[in-house]
């Protein structure tokens, strides 16, 4: 698989070392592309971040698209949120590349 195609699919080329998730900093084989301003809120061509699937699902389970666009539109803003800080503290202790079940928060902001 070519590097360009691998990057588009969210995977890495076989000869590349695993890259860390930009949020939890765990090394992952595959990552997803998170639009810092959600596409539904006008962020289609805006900045993105490479996140592991667990962090990406957790982020969307905890916050609405409008909250992500308005308040959490940078990695620093996401990391400084108190709910995400608790999650990141927990997930960083987990095995690299491990995936976890994520449930939608009952009180999404």
C-alpha atoms as a PDB file:
ATOM      1  CA  UNK A   1       0.000   0.000   0.000  1.00  0.00           C
ATOM      2  CA  UNK A   2       1.384   3.384  -0.910  1.00  0.00           C
ATOM      3  CA  UNK A   3       2.044   6.000   1.787  1.00  0.00           C
ATOM      4  CA  UNK A   4      -0.493   8.377   0.231  1.00  0.00           C
ATOM      5  CA  UNK A   5      -3.214   5.722   0.172  1.00  0.00           C
ATOM      6  CA  UNK A   6      -2.336   4.558   3.700  1.00  0.00           C
ATOM      7  CA  UNK A   7      -2.585   8.128   5.018  1.00  0.00           C
ATOM      8  CA  UNK A   8      -5.985   8.585   3.375  1.00  0.00           C
ATOM      9  CA  UNK A   9      -7.308   5.346   4.928  1.00  0.00           C
ATOM     10  CA  UNK A  10      -6.060   6.242   8.396  1.00  0.00           C
ATOM     11  CA  UNK A  11      -3.492   3.478   8.407  1.00  0.00           C
ATOM     12  CA  UNK A  12       0.246   3.702   8.247  1.00  0.00           C
ATOM     13  CA  UNK A  13       2.552   2.110   5.746  1.00  0.00           C
ATOM     14  CA  UNK A  14       4.047  -1.175   6.998  1.00  0.00           C
ATOM     15  CA  UNK A  15       7.566   0.221   7.211  1.00  0.00           C
ATOM     16  CA  UNK A  16       6.553   3.261   9.286  1.00  0.00           C
ATOM     17  CA  UNK A  17       6.801   3.121  13.079  1.00  0.00           C
ATOM     18  CA  UNK A  18       3.485   3.470  14.960  1.00  0.00           C
ATOM     19  CA  UNK A  19       2.525   7.097  15.505  1.00  0.00           C
ATOM     20  CA  UNK A  20       0.941   8.328  18.723  1.00  0.00           C
ATOM     21  CA  UNK A  21      -2.625   9.538  19.016  1.00  0.00           C
ATOM     22  CA  UNK A  22      -2.449  13.326  19.204  1.00  0.00           C
ATOM     23  CA  UNK A  23      -4.784  13.362  22.210  1.00  0.00           C
ATOM     24  CA  UNK A  24      -3.848  10.449  24.504  1.00  0.00           C
ATOM     25  CA  UNK A  25      -0.308  10.008  23.092  1.00  0.00           C
ATOM     26  CA  UNK A  26      -0.626   6.203  22.984  1.00  0.00           C
ATOM     27  CA  UNK A  27       0.965   4.545  19.959  1.00  0.00           C
ATOM     28  CA  UNK A  28      -1.630   3.117  17.580  1.00  0.00           C
ATOM     29  CA  UNK A  29      -1.468   1.144  14.345  1.00  0.00           C
ATOM     30  CA  UNK A  30      -4.518   2.900  12.895  1.00  0.00           C
ATOM     31  CA  UNK A  31      -5.891   6.317  13.567  1.00  0.00           C
ATOM     32  CA  UNK A  32      -8.924   8.342  12.574  1.00  0.00           C
ATOM     33  CA  UNK A  33      -9.003  11.905  11.331  1.00  0.00           C
ATOM     34  CA  UNK A  34     -10.909  14.267  13.616  1.00  0.00           C
ATOM     35  CA  UNK A  35     -11.991  17.646  12.245  1.00  0.00           C
ATOM     36  CA  UNK A  36     -11.349  20.100  15.080  1.00  0.00           C
ATOM     37  CA  UNK A  37     -14.356  22.092  13.867  1.00  0.00           C
ATOM     38  CA  UNK A  38     -16.874  19.399  12.849  1.00  0.00           C
ATOM     39  CA  UNK A  39     -17.728  19.226   9.161  1.00  0.00           C
ATOM     40  CA  UNK A  40     -21.407  19.758  10.006  1.00  0.00           C
ATOM     41  CA  UNK A  41     -20.439  23.066  11.612  1.00  0.00           C
ATOM     42  CA  UNK A  42     -18.392  24.318   8.647  1.00  0.00           C
ATOM     43  CA  UNK A  43     -15.011  22.702   9.350  1.00  0.00           C
ATOM     44  CA  UNK A  44     -14.706  20.560   6.228  1.00  0.00           C
ATOM     45  CA  UNK A  45     -11.474  22.224   5.133  1.00  0.00           C
ATOM     46  CA  UNK A  46     -10.293  23.240   8.608  1.00  0.00           C
ATOM     47  CA  UNK A  47      -7.556  21.771  10.784  1.00  0.00           C
ATOM     48  CA  UNK A  48      -7.623  18.087  11.700  1.00  0.00           C
ATOM     49  CA  UNK A  49      -5.998  15.834  14.283  1.00  0.00           C
ATOM     50  CA  UNK A  50      -5.000  12.155  14.159  1.00  0.00           C
ATOM     51  CA  UNK A  51      -6.771  10.358  16.996  1.00  0.00           C
ATOM     52  CA  UNK A  52      -7.027   6.727  18.005  1.00  0.00           C
ATOM     53  CA  UNK A  53     -10.513   5.326  17.470  1.00  0.00           C
ATOM     54  CA  UNK A  54     -11.230   5.223  21.206  1.00  0.00           C
ATOM     55  CA  UNK A  55     -10.399   8.891  21.784  1.00  0.00           C
ATOM     56  CA  UNK A  56     -12.378   9.919  18.715  1.00  0.00           C
ATOM     57  CA  UNK A  57     -15.482   7.972  19.808  1.00  0.00           C
ATOM     58  CA  UNK A  58     -15.150   9.253  23.382  1.00  0.00           C
ATOM     59  CA  UNK A  59     -14.925  12.857  22.224  1.00  0.00           C
ATOM     60  CA  UNK A  60     -18.098  12.602  20.132  1.00  0.00           C
ATOM     61  CA  UNK A  61     -19.892  10.658  22.863  1.00  0.00           C
ATOM     62  CA  UNK A  62     -19.240  13.367  25.440  1.00  0.00           C
ATOM     63  CA  UNK A  63     -19.856  16.519  23.403  1.00  0.00           C
ATOM     64  CA  UNK A  64     -22.274  17.747  20.757  1.00  0.00           C
ATOM     65  CA  UNK A  65     -21.072  18.988  17.384  1.00  0.00           C
ATOM     66  CA  UNK A  66     -21.880  22.575  18.320  1.00  0.00           C
ATOM     67  CA  UNK A  67     -19.891  22.353  21.581  1.00  0.00           C
ATOM     68  CA  UNK A  68     -16.924  20.906  19.707  1.00  0.00           C
ATOM     69  CA  UNK A  69     -17.111  23.734  17.170  1.00  0.00           C
ATOM     70  CA  UNK A  70     -17.623  26.537  19.709  1.00  0.00           C
ATOM     71  CA  UNK A  71     -15.506  25.536  22.710  1.00  0.00           C
ATOM     72  CA  UNK A  72     -13.301  22.553  21.892  1.00  0.00           C
ATOM     73  CA  UNK A  73     -11.880  23.460  18.495  1.00  0.00           C
ATOM     74  CA  UNK A  74      -8.200  22.860  19.316  1.00  0.00           C
ATOM     75  CA  UNK A  75      -6.248  20.044  20.943  1.00  0.00           C
ATOM     76  CA  UNK A  76      -5.281  22.336  23.832  1.00  0.00           C
ATOM     77  CA  UNK A  77      -8.926  23.199  24.487  1.00  0.00           C
ATOM     78  CA  UNK A  78      -9.892  19.517  24.419  1.00  0.00           C
ATOM     79  CA  UNK A  79      -7.067  18.552  26.786  1.00  0.00           C
ATOM     80  CA  UNK A  80      -7.958  21.338  29.228  1.00  0.00           C
ATOM     81  CA  UNK A  81     -11.617  20.272  29.549  1.00  0.00           C
ATOM     82  CA  UNK A  82     -12.140  18.675  32.979  1.00  0.00           C
ATOM     83  CA  UNK A  83     -14.115  15.668  31.665  1.00  0.00           C
ATOM     84  CA  UNK A  84     -11.521  14.946  28.998  1.00  0.00           C
ATOM     85  CA  UNK A  85      -8.680  15.353  31.516  1.00  0.00           C
ATOM     86  CA  UNK A  86     -10.187  12.554  33.618  1.00  0.00           C
ATOM     87  CA  UNK A  87     -10.631  10.340  30.551  1.00  0.00           C
ATOM     88  CA  UNK A  88      -7.074  11.025  29.303  1.00  0.00           C
ATOM     89  CA  UNK A  89      -5.595  10.295  32.726  1.00  0.00           C
ATOM     90  CA  UNK A  90      -7.324   6.899  32.659  1.00  0.00           C
ATOM     91  CA  UNK A  91      -6.665   5.973  29.014  1.00  0.00           C
ATOM     92  CA  UNK A  92      -2.951   6.798  29.169  1.00  0.00           C
ATOM     93  CA  UNK A  93      -2.556   3.989  31.702  1.00  0.00           C
ATOM     94  CA  UNK A  94      -4.053   1.485  29.254  1.00  0.00           C
ATOM     95  CA  UNK A  95      -2.106  -0.690  26.841  1.00  0.00           C
ATOM     96  CA  UNK A  96      -1.019   0.989  23.586  1.00  0.00           C
ATOM     97  CA  UNK A  97      -3.425   0.254  20.763  1.00  0.00           C
ATOM     98  CA  UNK A  98      -6.137  -1.169  23.014  1.00  0.00           C
ATOM     99  CA  UNK A  99      -9.693  -0.248  22.020  1.00  0.00           C
ATOM    100  CA  UNK A 100     -12.527   0.187  24.496  1.00  0.00           C
ATOM    101  CA  UNK A 101     -16.282   0.340  24.378  1.00  0.00           C
ATOM    102  CA  UNK A 102     -17.582   3.894  24.544  1.00  0.00           C
ATOM    103  CA  UNK A 103     -21.075   4.843  25.666  1.00  0.00           C
ATOM    104  CA  UNK A 104     -22.816   8.096  24.860  1.00  0.00           C
ATOM    105  CA  UNK A 105     -22.912  10.420  27.852  1.00  0.00           C
ATOM    106  CA  UNK A 106     -26.383  11.038  29.246  1.00  0.00           C
ATOM    107  CA  UNK A 107     -25.568  14.706  29.762  1.00  0.00           C
ATOM    108  CA  UNK A 108     -23.821  15.671  26.532  1.00  0.00           C
ATOM    109  CA  UNK A 109     -22.775  19.287  26.430  1.00  0.00           C
END
